[in-house]
């Protein structure tokens, strides 16, 4: 059942104006998320970083650029997915959000999921994985796998920032993105299959990483 557009804008304004935790005092602006509110894929990261806090959009720094390239490699347009975070405001010095901060923001995230009704929710990194799936299992054992909870489908992947710090993880990120495409399309796409004409990640690191 579709929901009134006014409900979506109301939710966005509530996030932008939220004063429920101390992060409201240190942020430049809250970052509700970006993308279509009927997206089939919803990506959930940890929290806004410095660039996100400045620009008001999630995943716009180096890790976000890598996420865009990973999506492009499997033929998924970034503009077609909804991207948000567990916590909507930047923690000082990019520290990990506390459990209280996550719990305070959780109703906003739940309402976003309820409105969008995505086919697959992609948990990007350890914090969203442990927060939403309520687990402490290491990412090495969880990435690339599908989990069904409360009638929803979740897919776990490493945070692209992990690939920036440790480039040996990049092939794993690529493989997981191929799996995600297959899951989203309800088909089987070989992990070695690529879309033609996309920028190789080797070029991304040599030309774009700062």
N, C-alpha and C. Protein backbone atom coordinates (compact mmCIF):
# COMPACT_ATOMS: atom_id res chain seq x y z
N UNK A 1 0.85 -1.20 0.00
CA UNK A 1 0.00 0.00 0.00
C UNK A 1 0.89 1.25 0.00
N UNK A 2 0.64 2.17 -0.95
CA UNK A 2 1.41 3.40 -1.01
C UNK A 2 1.02 4.32 0.12
N UNK A 3 1.99 5.14 0.53
CA UNK A 3 1.76 6.07 1.62
C UNK A 3 1.79 7.49 1.09
N UNK A 4 1.11 8.41 1.75
CA UNK A 4 1.04 9.79 1.27
C UNK A 4 2.43 10.43 1.20
N UNK A 5 2.74 11.15 0.11
CA UNK A 5 4.04 11.83 0.00
C UNK A 5 4.28 12.78 1.17
N UNK A 6 3.21 13.36 1.71
CA UNK A 6 3.38 14.29 2.82
C UNK A 6 4.02 13.60 4.03
N UNK A 7 3.75 12.31 4.21
CA UNK A 7 4.35 11.58 5.33
C UNK A 7 5.86 11.49 5.19
N UNK A 8 6.33 11.32 3.95
CA UNK A 8 7.77 11.23 3.69
C UNK A 8 8.45 12.57 3.99
N UNK A 9 7.87 13.65 3.52
CA UNK A 9 8.45 14.97 3.77
C UNK A 9 8.40 15.32 5.25
N UNK A 10 7.34 14.92 5.92
CA UNK A 10 7.25 15.15 7.36
C UNK A 10 8.36 14.43 8.09
N UNK A 11 8.62 13.19 7.72
CA UNK A 11 9.70 12.42 8.34
C UNK A 11 11.05 13.09 8.09
N UNK A 12 11.27 13.53 6.87
CA UNK A 12 12.53 14.20 6.54
C UNK A 12 12.72 15.45 7.40
N UNK A 13 11.68 16.23 7.57
CA UNK A 13 11.79 17.44 8.37
C UNK A 13 12.04 17.11 9.84
N UNK A 14 11.42 16.06 10.32
CA UNK A 14 11.65 15.65 11.71
C UNK A 14 13.12 15.30 11.93
N UNK A 15 13.71 14.62 10.97
CA UNK A 15 15.14 14.26 11.09
C UNK A 15 16.00 15.52 11.07
N UNK A 16 15.71 16.42 10.14
CA UNK A 16 16.51 17.64 10.01
C UNK A 16 16.43 18.51 11.26
N UNK A 17 15.29 18.47 11.95
CA UNK A 17 15.09 19.34 13.11
C UNK A 17 15.31 18.62 14.44
N UNK A 18 15.70 17.36 14.40
CA UNK A 18 15.80 16.56 15.63
C UNK A 18 16.81 17.13 16.61
N UNK A 19 16.41 17.17 17.89
CA UNK A 19 17.27 17.62 18.98
C UNK A 19 17.31 16.58 20.11
N UNK A 20 17.08 15.33 19.78
CA UNK A 20 16.88 14.31 20.81
C UNK A 20 18.16 13.79 21.46
N UNK A 21 19.31 14.04 20.86
CA UNK A 21 20.57 13.58 21.48
C UNK A 21 21.65 14.64 21.30
N UNK A 22 22.77 14.53 22.00
CA UNK A 22 23.81 15.56 21.96
C UNK A 22 24.43 15.79 20.59
N UNK A 23 24.29 14.84 19.66
CA UNK A 23 24.86 15.03 18.33
C UNK A 23 24.26 16.25 17.62
N UNK A 24 23.05 16.64 18.01
CA UNK A 24 22.40 17.80 17.40
C UNK A 24 23.19 19.08 17.66
N UNK A 25 23.93 19.10 18.76
CA UNK A 25 24.68 20.31 19.13
C UNK A 25 25.99 20.44 18.37
N UNK A 26 26.53 19.34 17.91
CA UNK A 26 27.85 19.38 17.25
C UNK A 26 27.76 19.26 15.73
N UNK A 27 26.60 18.90 15.21
CA UNK A 27 26.47 18.69 13.77
C UNK A 27 26.41 20.02 13.02
N UNK A 28 26.73 19.98 11.74
CA UNK A 28 26.42 21.09 10.84
C UNK A 28 24.98 20.98 10.39
N UNK A 29 24.60 19.77 10.01
CA UNK A 29 23.22 19.48 9.62
C UNK A 29 22.98 17.98 9.73
N UNK A 30 21.74 17.61 9.92
CA UNK A 30 21.38 16.20 9.91
C UNK A 30 21.37 15.70 8.46
N UNK A 31 21.52 14.40 8.30
CA UNK A 31 21.59 13.80 6.96
C UNK A 31 20.54 12.69 6.88
N UNK A 32 19.33 13.01 6.42
CA UNK A 32 18.25 12.03 6.40
C UNK A 32 18.50 10.85 5.47
N UNK A 33 19.09 11.11 4.32
CA UNK A 33 19.30 10.08 3.32
C UNK A 33 18.99 10.64 1.95
N UNK A 34 19.30 9.87 0.91
CA UNK A 34 19.09 10.34 -0.45
C UNK A 34 18.69 9.17 -1.33
N UNK A 35 17.81 9.45 -2.29
CA UNK A 35 17.38 8.43 -3.22
C UNK A 35 15.87 8.37 -3.30
N UNK A 36 15.33 7.59 -4.23
CA UNK A 36 13.87 7.48 -4.38
C UNK A 36 13.24 6.80 -3.18
N UNK A 37 12.07 7.28 -2.78
CA UNK A 37 11.42 6.71 -1.61
C UNK A 37 10.59 5.47 -1.92
N UNK A 38 10.81 4.92 -3.12
CA UNK A 38 10.23 3.62 -3.45
C UNK A 38 11.31 2.69 -4.01
N UNK A 39 12.55 2.90 -3.59
CA UNK A 39 13.69 2.15 -4.11
C UNK A 39 13.58 0.66 -3.77
N UNK A 40 14.05 -0.18 -4.68
CA UNK A 40 14.09 -1.62 -4.42
C UNK A 40 15.25 -2.00 -3.51
N UNK A 41 16.33 -1.21 -3.56
CA UNK A 41 17.50 -1.45 -2.72
C UNK A 41 17.70 -0.27 -1.78
N UNK A 42 17.90 -0.57 -0.50
CA UNK A 42 18.17 0.46 0.50
C UNK A 42 19.50 0.13 1.17
N UNK A 43 20.44 1.06 1.13
CA UNK A 43 21.75 0.88 1.75
C UNK A 43 21.78 1.64 3.07
N UNK A 44 22.23 0.98 4.13
CA UNK A 44 22.31 1.60 5.45
C UNK A 44 23.75 1.54 5.94
N UNK A 45 24.35 2.71 6.13
CA UNK A 45 25.70 2.79 6.67
C UNK A 45 25.69 3.10 8.15
N UNK A 46 26.83 3.57 8.64
CA UNK A 46 26.99 3.81 10.07
C UNK A 46 26.51 5.19 10.50
N UNK A 47 27.15 6.23 9.97
CA UNK A 47 26.84 7.61 10.36
C UNK A 47 27.48 8.55 9.35
N UNK A 48 27.00 9.78 9.25
CA UNK A 48 27.65 10.75 8.36
C UNK A 48 29.08 11.04 8.81
N UNK A 49 29.95 11.27 7.84
CA UNK A 49 31.31 11.74 8.12
C UNK A 49 31.40 13.23 7.90
N UNK A 50 32.62 13.74 7.80
CA UNK A 50 32.81 15.19 7.69
C UNK A 50 32.17 15.75 6.44
N UNK A 51 32.43 15.13 5.28
CA UNK A 51 31.86 15.64 4.03
C UNK A 51 30.34 15.51 4.01
N UNK A 52 29.85 14.43 4.58
CA UNK A 52 28.40 14.23 4.64
C UNK A 52 27.74 15.29 5.51
N UNK A 53 28.40 15.62 6.61
CA UNK A 53 27.90 16.65 7.52
C UNK A 53 27.86 18.01 6.83
N UNK A 54 28.83 18.27 5.97
CA UNK A 54 28.90 19.54 5.25
C UNK A 54 27.87 19.59 4.12
N UNK A 55 27.77 18.50 3.36
CA UNK A 55 26.94 18.50 2.15
C UNK A 55 25.50 18.04 2.39
N UNK A 56 25.27 17.40 3.52
CA UNK A 56 23.91 16.95 3.82
C UNK A 56 23.47 15.73 3.05
N UNK A 57 24.43 14.95 2.53
CA UNK A 57 24.12 13.75 1.75
C UNK A 57 25.03 12.62 2.19
N UNK A 58 24.52 11.40 2.35
CA UNK A 58 25.36 10.29 2.81
C UNK A 58 26.29 9.77 1.71
N UNK A 59 27.43 9.22 2.14
CA UNK A 59 28.38 8.56 1.25
C UNK A 59 28.81 9.46 0.09
N UNK A 60 29.34 10.62 0.43
CA UNK A 60 29.86 11.52 -0.60
C UNK A 60 31.37 11.69 -0.50
N UNK A 61 32.00 11.10 0.51
CA UNK A 61 33.45 11.14 0.64
C UNK A 61 34.10 10.04 -0.20
N UNK A 62 35.35 9.71 0.13
CA UNK A 62 36.08 8.70 -0.64
C UNK A 62 35.38 7.34 -0.61
N UNK A 63 34.86 6.94 0.55
CA UNK A 63 34.16 5.66 0.64
C UNK A 63 32.89 5.68 -0.21
N UNK A 64 32.22 6.81 -0.25
CA UNK A 64 31.02 6.93 -1.08
C UNK A 64 31.35 6.86 -2.56
N UNK A 65 32.49 7.42 -2.95
CA UNK A 65 32.91 7.33 -4.34
C UNK A 65 33.19 5.89 -4.73
N UNK A 66 33.80 5.15 -3.81
CA UNK A 66 34.06 3.74 -4.08
C UNK A 66 32.75 2.95 -4.17
N UNK A 67 31.80 3.26 -3.31
CA UNK A 67 30.49 2.60 -3.38
C UNK A 67 29.85 2.85 -4.73
N UNK A 68 29.93 4.07 -5.23
CA UNK A 68 29.37 4.40 -6.54
C UNK A 68 30.01 3.55 -7.63
N UNK A 69 31.34 3.39 -7.59
CA UNK A 69 32.03 2.59 -8.60
C UNK A 69 31.64 1.12 -8.51
N UNK A 70 31.48 0.63 -7.29
CA UNK A 70 31.06 -0.76 -7.12
C UNK A 70 29.67 -0.99 -7.70
N UNK A 71 28.78 -0.04 -7.48
CA UNK A 71 27.44 -0.13 -8.06
C UNK A 71 27.50 -0.09 -9.58
N UNK A 72 28.31 0.82 -10.11
CA UNK A 72 28.43 0.96 -11.57
C UNK A 72 28.92 -0.33 -12.21
N UNK A 73 29.84 -1.01 -11.54
CA UNK A 73 30.41 -2.23 -12.11
C UNK A 73 29.37 -3.31 -12.36
N UNK A 74 28.31 -3.32 -11.57
CA UNK A 74 27.27 -4.34 -11.76
C UNK A 74 26.02 -3.74 -12.42
N UNK A 75 26.15 -2.53 -12.92
CA UNK A 75 25.05 -1.93 -13.67
C UNK A 75 23.93 -1.37 -12.83
N UNK A 76 24.22 -1.03 -11.57
CA UNK A 76 23.21 -0.42 -10.71
C UNK A 76 23.51 1.09 -10.63
N UNK A 77 22.53 1.90 -10.95
CA UNK A 77 22.71 3.34 -10.85
C UNK A 77 22.53 3.78 -9.41
N UNK A 78 23.47 4.58 -8.94
CA UNK A 78 23.36 5.07 -7.57
C UNK A 78 22.05 5.82 -7.35
N UNK A 79 21.59 6.51 -8.38
CA UNK A 79 20.36 7.29 -8.26
C UNK A 79 19.12 6.41 -8.06
N UNK A 80 19.25 5.11 -8.30
CA UNK A 80 18.10 4.22 -8.19
C UNK A 80 17.96 3.61 -6.81
N UNK A 81 18.96 3.80 -5.93
CA UNK A 81 18.91 3.18 -4.61
C UNK A 81 18.75 4.28 -3.55
N UNK A 82 18.22 3.89 -2.40
CA UNK A 82 18.13 4.84 -1.28
C UNK A 82 19.27 4.55 -0.33
N UNK A 83 19.96 5.61 0.10
CA UNK A 83 21.13 5.47 0.96
C UNK A 83 20.92 6.30 2.22
N UNK A 84 21.12 5.69 3.37
CA UNK A 84 20.99 6.40 4.63
C UNK A 84 21.98 5.80 5.64
N UNK A 85 21.81 6.16 6.90
CA UNK A 85 22.68 5.66 7.95
C UNK A 85 21.87 5.32 9.19
N UNK A 86 22.46 4.52 10.06
CA UNK A 86 21.84 4.20 11.34
C UNK A 86 21.64 5.47 12.15
N UNK A 87 22.68 6.31 12.18
CA UNK A 87 22.64 7.58 12.89
C UNK A 87 22.66 8.71 11.87
N UNK A 88 21.80 9.69 12.04
CA UNK A 88 21.60 10.72 11.03
C UNK A 88 22.49 11.95 11.20
N UNK A 89 23.23 12.04 12.31
CA UNK A 89 24.12 13.17 12.54
C UNK A 89 25.54 12.67 12.75
N UNK A 90 26.51 13.48 12.37
CA UNK A 90 27.91 13.08 12.48
C UNK A 90 28.37 13.05 13.94
N UNK A 91 28.91 11.92 14.41
CA UNK A 91 29.55 11.90 15.73
C UNK A 91 30.86 12.69 15.68
N UNK A 92 31.21 13.41 16.74
CA UNK A 92 32.45 14.19 16.76
C UNK A 92 33.66 13.35 16.40
N UNK A 93 34.52 13.91 15.55
CA UNK A 93 35.76 13.24 15.12
C UNK A 93 35.49 11.89 14.45
N UNK A 94 34.29 11.73 13.94
CA UNK A 94 33.92 10.49 13.24
C UNK A 94 34.01 9.25 14.14
N UNK A 95 33.85 9.43 15.43
CA UNK A 95 33.88 8.28 16.33
C UNK A 95 32.66 7.39 16.07
N UNK A 96 32.72 6.18 16.56
CA UNK A 96 31.59 5.25 16.40
C UNK A 96 30.40 5.76 17.20
N UNK A 97 29.20 5.73 16.62
CA UNK A 97 28.02 6.17 17.38
C UNK A 97 27.77 5.25 18.57
N UNK A 98 27.37 5.85 19.67
CA UNK A 98 27.10 5.07 20.88
C UNK A 98 25.79 4.29 20.71
N UNK A 99 25.58 3.34 21.62
CA UNK A 99 24.34 2.56 21.57
C UNK A 99 23.12 3.45 21.85
N UNK A 100 23.31 4.46 22.70
CA UNK A 100 22.21 5.38 22.98
C UNK A 100 21.88 6.21 21.73
N UNK A 101 22.89 6.67 21.03
CA UNK A 101 22.66 7.45 19.80
C UNK A 101 21.99 6.59 18.73
N UNK A 102 22.40 5.35 18.63
CA UNK A 102 21.77 4.45 17.66
C UNK A 102 20.30 4.21 18.02
N UNK A 103 20.05 4.00 19.29
CA UNK A 103 18.67 3.73 19.73
C UNK A 103 17.79 4.95 19.53
N UNK A 104 18.36 6.15 19.74
CA UNK A 104 17.59 7.39 19.57
C UNK A 104 17.18 7.58 18.12
N UNK A 105 18.08 7.24 17.19
CA UNK A 105 17.80 7.42 15.76
C UNK A 105 17.02 6.26 15.16
N UNK A 106 16.98 5.14 15.83
CA UNK A 106 16.37 3.93 15.25
C UNK A 106 14.93 4.13 14.78
N UNK A 107 14.08 4.85 15.53
CA UNK A 107 12.71 5.05 15.02
C UNK A 107 12.66 5.74 13.66
N UNK A 108 13.58 6.68 13.42
CA UNK A 108 13.62 7.34 12.12
C UNK A 108 13.93 6.31 11.02
N UNK A 109 14.92 5.47 11.28
CA UNK A 109 15.29 4.46 10.30
C UNK A 109 14.16 3.47 10.07
N UNK A 110 13.51 3.06 11.14
CA UNK A 110 12.39 2.13 11.00
C UNK A 110 11.27 2.72 10.14
N UNK A 111 11.01 4.00 10.34
CA UNK A 111 9.96 4.66 9.55
C UNK A 111 10.36 4.78 8.08
N UNK A 112 11.64 5.03 7.82
CA UNK A 112 12.11 5.08 6.44
C UNK A 112 11.92 3.72 5.76
N UNK A 113 12.29 2.66 6.46
CA UNK A 113 12.13 1.32 5.90
C UNK A 113 10.66 1.01 5.64
N UNK A 114 9.81 1.38 6.59
CA UNK A 114 8.39 1.11 6.47
C UNK A 114 7.80 1.86 5.28
N UNK A 115 8.25 3.07 5.05
CA UNK A 115 7.73 3.86 3.93
C UNK A 115 8.23 3.31 2.60
N UNK A 116 9.54 3.07 2.51
CA UNK A 116 10.15 2.66 1.24
C UNK A 116 9.76 1.24 0.85
N UNK A 117 9.69 0.34 1.83
CA UNK A 117 9.40 -1.08 1.55
C UNK A 117 10.38 -1.65 0.52
N UNK A 118 11.69 -1.55 0.78
CA UNK A 118 12.67 -2.05 -0.18
C UNK A 118 12.63 -3.58 -0.28
N UNK A 119 13.01 -4.09 -1.44
CA UNK A 119 13.09 -5.53 -1.61
C UNK A 119 14.25 -6.09 -0.80
N UNK A 120 15.38 -5.38 -0.82
CA UNK A 120 16.57 -5.81 -0.08
C UNK A 120 17.15 -4.62 0.67
N UNK A 121 17.50 -4.83 1.93
CA UNK A 121 18.17 -3.82 2.75
C UNK A 121 19.63 -4.24 2.89
N UNK A 122 20.54 -3.39 2.43
CA UNK A 122 21.96 -3.70 2.44
C UNK A 122 22.60 -3.05 3.66
N UNK A 123 23.16 -3.87 4.53
CA UNK A 123 23.82 -3.38 5.74
C UNK A 123 25.31 -3.21 5.44
N UNK A 124 25.74 -1.95 5.43
CA UNK A 124 27.08 -1.61 4.96
C UNK A 124 28.02 -1.44 6.16
N UNK A 125 28.70 -2.50 6.53
CA UNK A 125 29.66 -2.42 7.62
C UNK A 125 29.17 -3.01 8.93
N UNK A 126 30.04 -2.99 9.92
CA UNK A 126 29.78 -3.66 11.19
C UNK A 126 28.69 -3.00 12.00
N UNK A 127 28.70 -1.67 12.13
CA UNK A 127 27.74 -0.99 13.01
C UNK A 127 26.29 -1.23 12.58
N UNK A 128 25.91 -1.01 11.32
CA UNK A 128 24.53 -1.30 10.95
C UNK A 128 24.19 -2.78 11.06
N UNK A 129 25.17 -3.64 10.81
CA UNK A 129 24.91 -5.08 10.90
C UNK A 129 24.61 -5.50 12.32
N UNK A 130 25.45 -5.06 13.26
CA UNK A 130 25.22 -5.46 14.65
C UNK A 130 24.02 -4.74 15.26
N UNK A 131 23.74 -3.54 14.76
CA UNK A 131 22.60 -2.77 15.29
C UNK A 131 21.27 -3.36 14.84
N UNK A 132 21.16 -3.66 13.57
CA UNK A 132 19.88 -4.07 13.01
C UNK A 132 19.66 -5.58 13.16
N UNK A 133 20.71 -6.37 12.97
CA UNK A 133 20.55 -7.82 13.12
C UNK A 133 20.81 -8.28 14.56
N UNK A 134 21.22 -7.32 15.40
CA UNK A 134 21.45 -7.61 16.83
C UNK A 134 22.40 -8.79 16.99
N UNK A 135 23.59 -8.64 16.42
CA UNK A 135 24.58 -9.69 16.47
C UNK A 135 25.96 -9.10 16.71
N UNK A 136 26.85 -9.90 17.25
CA UNK A 136 28.25 -9.49 17.43
C UNK A 136 29.18 -10.37 16.60
N UNK A 137 28.61 -11.15 15.67
CA UNK A 137 29.42 -12.01 14.81
C UNK A 137 30.30 -11.14 13.92
N UNK A 138 31.52 -11.56 13.70
CA UNK A 138 32.48 -10.76 12.92
C UNK A 138 32.03 -10.65 11.47
N UNK A 139 32.39 -9.52 10.84
CA UNK A 139 32.00 -9.26 9.46
C UNK A 139 32.53 -10.32 8.51
N UNK A 140 33.71 -10.86 8.81
CA UNK A 140 34.28 -11.88 7.93
C UNK A 140 33.39 -13.08 7.77
N UNK A 141 32.55 -13.34 8.77
CA UNK A 141 31.66 -14.50 8.72
C UNK A 141 30.27 -14.13 8.19
N UNK A 142 29.96 -12.85 8.10
CA UNK A 142 28.60 -12.42 7.75
C UNK A 142 28.49 -11.81 6.36
N UNK A 143 29.57 -11.23 5.85
CA UNK A 143 29.46 -10.50 4.58
C UNK A 143 29.09 -11.45 3.45
N UNK A 144 28.38 -10.90 2.48
CA UNK A 144 28.00 -11.67 1.31
C UNK A 144 26.87 -12.66 1.53
N UNK A 145 26.20 -12.55 2.67
CA UNK A 145 25.13 -13.49 3.00
C UNK A 145 23.80 -12.77 3.18
N UNK A 146 22.74 -13.52 2.99
CA UNK A 146 21.38 -12.99 3.12
C UNK A 146 20.80 -13.42 4.45
N UNK A 147 20.09 -12.50 5.08
CA UNK A 147 19.43 -12.79 6.37
C UNK A 147 17.98 -12.33 6.27
N UNK A 148 17.09 -13.15 6.76
CA UNK A 148 15.67 -12.81 6.76
C UNK A 148 15.22 -12.59 8.20
N UNK A 149 14.75 -11.38 8.47
CA UNK A 149 14.28 -11.03 9.80
C UNK A 149 12.99 -10.21 9.69
N UNK A 150 12.00 -10.58 10.46
CA UNK A 150 10.75 -9.82 10.52
C UNK A 150 10.15 -9.54 9.15
N UNK A 151 10.21 -10.55 8.30
CA UNK A 151 9.63 -10.41 6.98
C UNK A 151 10.44 -9.59 5.99
N UNK A 152 11.66 -9.23 6.34
CA UNK A 152 12.50 -8.43 5.45
C UNK A 152 13.79 -9.17 5.10
N UNK A 153 14.35 -8.80 3.95
CA UNK A 153 15.57 -9.42 3.46
C UNK A 153 16.74 -8.47 3.63
N UNK A 154 17.78 -8.94 4.30
CA UNK A 154 18.97 -8.14 4.54
C UNK A 154 20.18 -8.80 3.88
N UNK A 155 21.06 -7.96 3.36
CA UNK A 155 22.31 -8.43 2.76
C UNK A 155 23.45 -7.66 3.42
N UNK A 156 24.47 -8.37 3.85
CA UNK A 156 25.58 -7.76 4.58
C UNK A 156 26.81 -7.63 3.69
N UNK A 157 27.44 -6.46 3.72
CA UNK A 157 28.69 -6.26 2.99
C UNK A 157 29.64 -5.40 3.83
N UNK A 158 30.94 -5.51 3.52
CA UNK A 158 31.91 -4.64 4.17
C UNK A 158 31.63 -3.19 3.81
N UNK A 159 32.01 -2.28 4.69
CA UNK A 159 31.94 -0.86 4.36
C UNK A 159 33.02 -0.55 3.32
N UNK A 160 32.70 0.24 2.30
CA UNK A 160 33.74 0.59 1.31
C UNK A 160 34.99 1.19 1.94
N UNK A 161 34.86 1.86 3.08
CA UNK A 161 36.04 2.41 3.74
C UNK A 161 37.05 1.32 4.07
N UNK A 162 36.57 0.11 4.34
CA UNK A 162 37.47 -1.00 4.62
C UNK A 162 38.34 -1.30 3.40
N UNK A 163 37.75 -1.14 2.21
CA UNK A 163 38.51 -1.34 0.98
C UNK A 163 39.53 -0.25 0.73
N UNK A 164 39.25 0.96 1.23
CA UNK A 164 40.21 2.04 1.09
C UNK A 164 41.42 1.82 2.00
N UNK A 165 41.17 1.31 3.19
CA UNK A 165 42.25 1.05 4.14
C UNK A 165 43.01 -0.23 3.81
N UNK A 166 42.32 -1.20 3.25
CA UNK A 166 42.92 -2.50 2.96
C UNK A 166 42.45 -2.93 1.57
N UNK A 167 43.25 -2.66 0.56
CA UNK A 167 42.83 -2.90 -0.81
C UNK A 167 42.68 -4.38 -1.15
N UNK A 168 43.20 -5.26 -0.30
CA UNK A 168 43.00 -6.69 -0.53
C UNK A 168 41.53 -7.08 -0.36
N UNK A 169 40.74 -6.21 0.27
CA UNK A 169 39.31 -6.48 0.44
C UNK A 169 38.48 -6.07 -0.77
N UNK A 170 39.08 -5.35 -1.71
CA UNK A 170 38.32 -4.87 -2.86
C UNK A 170 37.71 -6.00 -3.67
N UNK A 171 38.45 -7.08 -3.98
CA UNK A 171 37.79 -8.19 -4.70
C UNK A 171 36.60 -8.75 -3.95
N UNK A 172 36.66 -8.78 -2.63
CA UNK A 172 35.54 -9.25 -1.83
C UNK A 172 34.35 -8.32 -1.98
N UNK A 173 34.61 -7.01 -1.95
CA UNK A 173 33.54 -6.03 -2.16
C UNK A 173 32.90 -6.21 -3.54
N UNK A 174 33.72 -6.46 -4.55
CA UNK A 174 33.20 -6.67 -5.90
C UNK A 174 32.33 -7.93 -5.97
N UNK A 175 32.82 -9.01 -5.37
CA UNK A 175 32.07 -10.27 -5.38
C UNK A 175 30.73 -10.12 -4.66
N UNK A 176 30.77 -9.43 -3.52
CA UNK A 176 29.53 -9.24 -2.76
C UNK A 176 28.53 -8.40 -3.53
N UNK A 177 29.02 -7.39 -4.26
CA UNK A 177 28.11 -6.57 -5.05
C UNK A 177 27.49 -7.37 -6.18
N UNK A 178 28.25 -8.29 -6.76
CA UNK A 178 27.69 -9.17 -7.78
C UNK A 178 26.60 -10.05 -7.17
N UNK A 179 26.84 -10.56 -5.97
CA UNK A 179 25.82 -11.37 -5.29
C UNK A 179 24.57 -10.54 -5.04
N UNK A 180 24.76 -9.30 -4.62
CA UNK A 180 23.62 -8.42 -4.36
C UNK A 180 22.80 -8.21 -5.62
N UNK A 181 23.47 -7.97 -6.73
CA UNK A 181 22.73 -7.79 -7.99
C UNK A 181 21.90 -9.03 -8.30
N UNK A 182 22.49 -10.21 -8.11
CA UNK A 182 21.78 -11.45 -8.39
C UNK A 182 20.56 -11.60 -7.49
N UNK A 183 20.73 -11.27 -6.22
CA UNK A 183 19.62 -11.36 -5.26
C UNK A 183 18.52 -10.37 -5.63
N UNK A 184 18.91 -9.16 -5.96
CA UNK A 184 17.93 -8.12 -6.30
C UNK A 184 17.15 -8.48 -7.56
N UNK A 185 17.82 -9.17 -8.49
CA UNK A 185 17.18 -9.54 -9.75
C UNK A 185 16.53 -10.91 -9.71
N UNK A 186 16.67 -11.60 -8.58
CA UNK A 186 16.14 -12.96 -8.45
C UNK A 186 16.68 -13.90 -9.53
N UNK A 187 17.97 -13.75 -9.84
CA UNK A 187 18.58 -14.64 -10.83
C UNK A 187 19.99 -15.00 -10.37
N UNK A 188 20.69 -15.70 -11.20
CA UNK A 188 22.05 -16.12 -10.88
C UNK A 188 23.02 -15.47 -11.87
N UNK A 189 23.81 -14.52 -11.37
CA UNK A 189 24.78 -13.84 -12.22
C UNK A 189 26.17 -14.29 -11.79
N UNK A 190 26.97 -14.90 -12.69
CA UNK A 190 28.31 -15.33 -12.32
C UNK A 190 29.11 -14.19 -11.73
N UNK A 191 29.91 -14.46 -10.71
CA UNK A 191 30.63 -13.40 -10.02
C UNK A 191 31.65 -12.73 -10.91
N UNK A 192 32.10 -13.43 -11.97
CA UNK A 192 33.10 -12.83 -12.83
C UNK A 192 32.48 -11.95 -13.92
N UNK A 193 31.16 -11.97 -14.06
CA UNK A 193 30.50 -11.19 -15.11
C UNK A 193 30.52 -9.71 -14.75
N UNK A 194 30.86 -8.85 -15.71
CA UNK A 194 30.92 -7.42 -15.49
C UNK A 194 30.12 -6.68 -16.55
N UNK A 195 29.65 -5.51 -16.20
CA UNK A 195 29.06 -4.63 -17.19
C UNK A 195 30.20 -4.04 -18.04
N UNK A 196 29.95 -3.85 -19.31
CA UNK A 196 30.98 -3.32 -20.19
C UNK A 196 31.14 -1.81 -20.01
N UNK A 197 32.36 -1.34 -20.16
CA UNK A 197 32.62 0.09 -20.19
C UNK A 197 32.67 0.77 -18.83
N UNK A 198 32.79 0.00 -17.75
CA UNK A 198 32.85 0.61 -16.43
C UNK A 198 34.31 0.86 -16.04
N UNK A 199 34.52 1.81 -15.17
CA UNK A 199 35.85 2.17 -14.71
C UNK A 199 36.41 1.08 -13.81
N UNK A 200 37.53 0.44 -14.18
CA UNK A 200 38.12 -0.59 -13.30
C UNK A 200 38.51 0.01 -11.96
N UNK A 201 38.41 -0.77 -10.90
CA UNK A 201 38.75 -0.25 -9.59
C UNK A 201 40.23 0.08 -9.48
N UNK A 202 41.08 -0.59 -10.25
CA UNK A 202 42.50 -0.24 -10.21
C UNK A 202 42.70 1.20 -10.64
N UNK A 203 41.93 1.64 -11.63
CA UNK A 203 42.02 3.04 -12.06
C UNK A 203 41.42 3.96 -11.02
N UNK A 204 40.36 3.51 -10.37
CA UNK A 204 39.74 4.33 -9.32
C UNK A 204 40.76 4.65 -8.25
N UNK A 205 41.51 3.63 -7.79
CA UNK A 205 42.47 3.86 -6.71
C UNK A 205 43.64 4.71 -7.20
N UNK A 206 44.12 4.48 -8.42
CA UNK A 206 45.29 5.22 -8.89
C UNK A 206 44.97 6.66 -9.22
N UNK A 207 43.72 6.94 -9.67
CA UNK A 207 43.39 8.27 -10.15
C UNK A 207 42.57 9.11 -9.17
N UNK A 208 41.75 8.45 -8.32
CA UNK A 208 40.79 9.21 -7.54
C UNK A 208 41.02 9.20 -6.05
N UNK A 209 41.70 8.18 -5.55
CA UNK A 209 41.87 8.13 -4.10
C UNK A 209 42.82 9.22 -3.64
N UNK A 210 42.42 9.96 -2.63
CA UNK A 210 43.24 11.06 -2.11
C UNK A 210 43.88 10.63 -0.79
